[in-house]
């Protein structure tokens, strides 16, 4: 069975017409593109989440950044500078 790609109205997902004389399963191009985009978005979120968790673990292992609460702006600025150095190096 052939696959017939059709353009459709992406708001109503009403299939348009495929090439004349074609028979088979009709696939809405907009639906297929949306599914591919969702998959790429999900994959990117997963990768970035893993990277952020790994970076947070690394910062915690190499510094005392998470050991003490910050009670002043100066302490918070020092903690931010420590974090920046750890991430950049």
Protein backbone atom coordinates (compact mmCIF):
# COMPACT_ATOMS: atom_id res chain seq x y z
CA UNK A 1 0.00 0.00 0.00
CA UNK A 2 1.39 3.40 -0.94
CA UNK A 3 1.53 6.32 1.44
CA UNK A 4 -0.05 9.49 0.11
CA UNK A 5 1.20 12.68 1.74
CA UNK A 6 -1.35 15.46 1.73
CA UNK A 7 -1.41 19.05 2.77
CA UNK A 8 -4.06 19.79 5.33
CA UNK A 9 -5.45 22.68 7.25
CA UNK A 10 -3.24 22.53 10.37
CA UNK A 11 -5.94 24.11 12.54
CA UNK A 12 -8.70 21.63 11.73
CA UNK A 13 -6.46 18.81 10.45
CA UNK A 14 -8.82 18.36 7.53
CA UNK A 15 -6.91 16.44 4.88
CA UNK A 16 -6.52 18.07 1.52
CA UNK A 17 -6.12 16.17 -1.68
CA UNK A 18 -3.12 14.07 -2.61
CA UNK A 19 -1.68 13.63 -6.08
CA UNK A 20 -4.32 12.56 -8.60
CA UNK A 21 -4.78 8.84 -8.92
CA UNK A 22 -2.85 7.93 -5.76
CA UNK A 23 -4.36 5.43 -3.36
CA UNK A 24 -3.21 4.27 0.01
CA UNK A 25 -2.83 5.54 3.53
CA UNK A 26 -3.17 9.31 3.75
CA UNK A 27 -0.79 11.09 6.13
CA UNK A 28 -1.20 14.73 7.02
CA UNK A 29 2.16 16.47 6.54
CA UNK A 30 1.42 18.96 9.34
CA UNK A 31 0.70 16.13 11.80
CA UNK A 32 3.92 14.37 10.86
CA UNK A 33 5.95 17.58 11.25
CA UNK A 34 4.35 18.29 14.64
CA UNK A 35 5.16 14.79 15.87
CA UNK A 36 8.79 15.10 14.74
CA UNK A 37 9.08 18.50 16.41
CA UNK A 38 7.63 17.16 19.67
CA UNK A 39 10.09 14.27 19.64
CA UNK A 40 13.06 16.58 19.06
CA UNK A 41 11.85 18.87 21.85
CA UNK A 42 11.49 15.95 24.26
CA UNK A 43 14.95 14.64 23.33
CA UNK A 44 16.51 18.07 23.86
CA UNK A 45 14.84 18.49 27.25
CA UNK A 46 16.10 15.08 28.34
CA UNK A 47 19.69 15.81 27.25
CA UNK A 48 19.71 19.27 28.87
CA UNK A 49 18.23 17.87 32.07
CA UNK A 50 20.99 15.24 32.26
CA UNK A 51 23.64 17.89 31.63
CA UNK A 52 22.29 20.21 34.33
CA UNK A 53 22.07 17.36 36.87
CA UNK A 54 25.64 16.31 36.05
CA UNK A 55 26.88 19.91 36.37
CA UNK A 56 25.12 20.37 39.71
CA UNK A 57 26.63 17.13 41.00
CA UNK A 58 30.07 18.20 39.76
CA UNK A 59 29.79 21.62 41.42
CA UNK A 60 28.71 19.97 44.67
CA UNK A 61 31.61 17.52 44.56
CA UNK A 62 34.28 20.12 43.77
CA UNK A 63 33.16 23.01 45.98
CA UNK A 64 31.35 23.80 49.21
CA UNK A 65 28.76 25.81 47.28
CA UNK A 66 25.77 23.86 48.63
CA UNK A 67 27.09 23.36 52.17
CA UNK A 68 26.17 26.72 53.68
CA UNK A 69 23.07 28.91 53.37
CA UNK A 70 23.68 32.38 51.96
CA UNK A 71 22.70 35.08 54.47
CA UNK A 72 24.15 38.17 52.81
CA UNK A 73 24.49 39.61 49.34
CA UNK A 74 28.27 39.27 49.58
CA UNK A 75 28.02 35.54 50.32
CA UNK A 76 25.57 35.11 47.45
CA UNK A 77 27.90 36.96 45.07
CA UNK A 78 30.85 34.80 46.17
CA UNK A 79 28.74 31.68 45.61
CA UNK A 80 27.76 32.92 42.15
CA UNK A 81 31.41 33.59 41.30
CA UNK A 82 32.36 30.09 42.51
CA UNK A 83 29.62 28.57 40.40
CA UNK A 84 30.71 30.59 37.36
CA UNK A 85 34.33 29.47 37.72
CA UNK A 86 33.29 25.85 38.11
CA UNK A 87 31.07 25.93 35.03
CA UNK A 88 33.58 27.79 32.85
CA UNK A 89 36.63 25.73 33.83
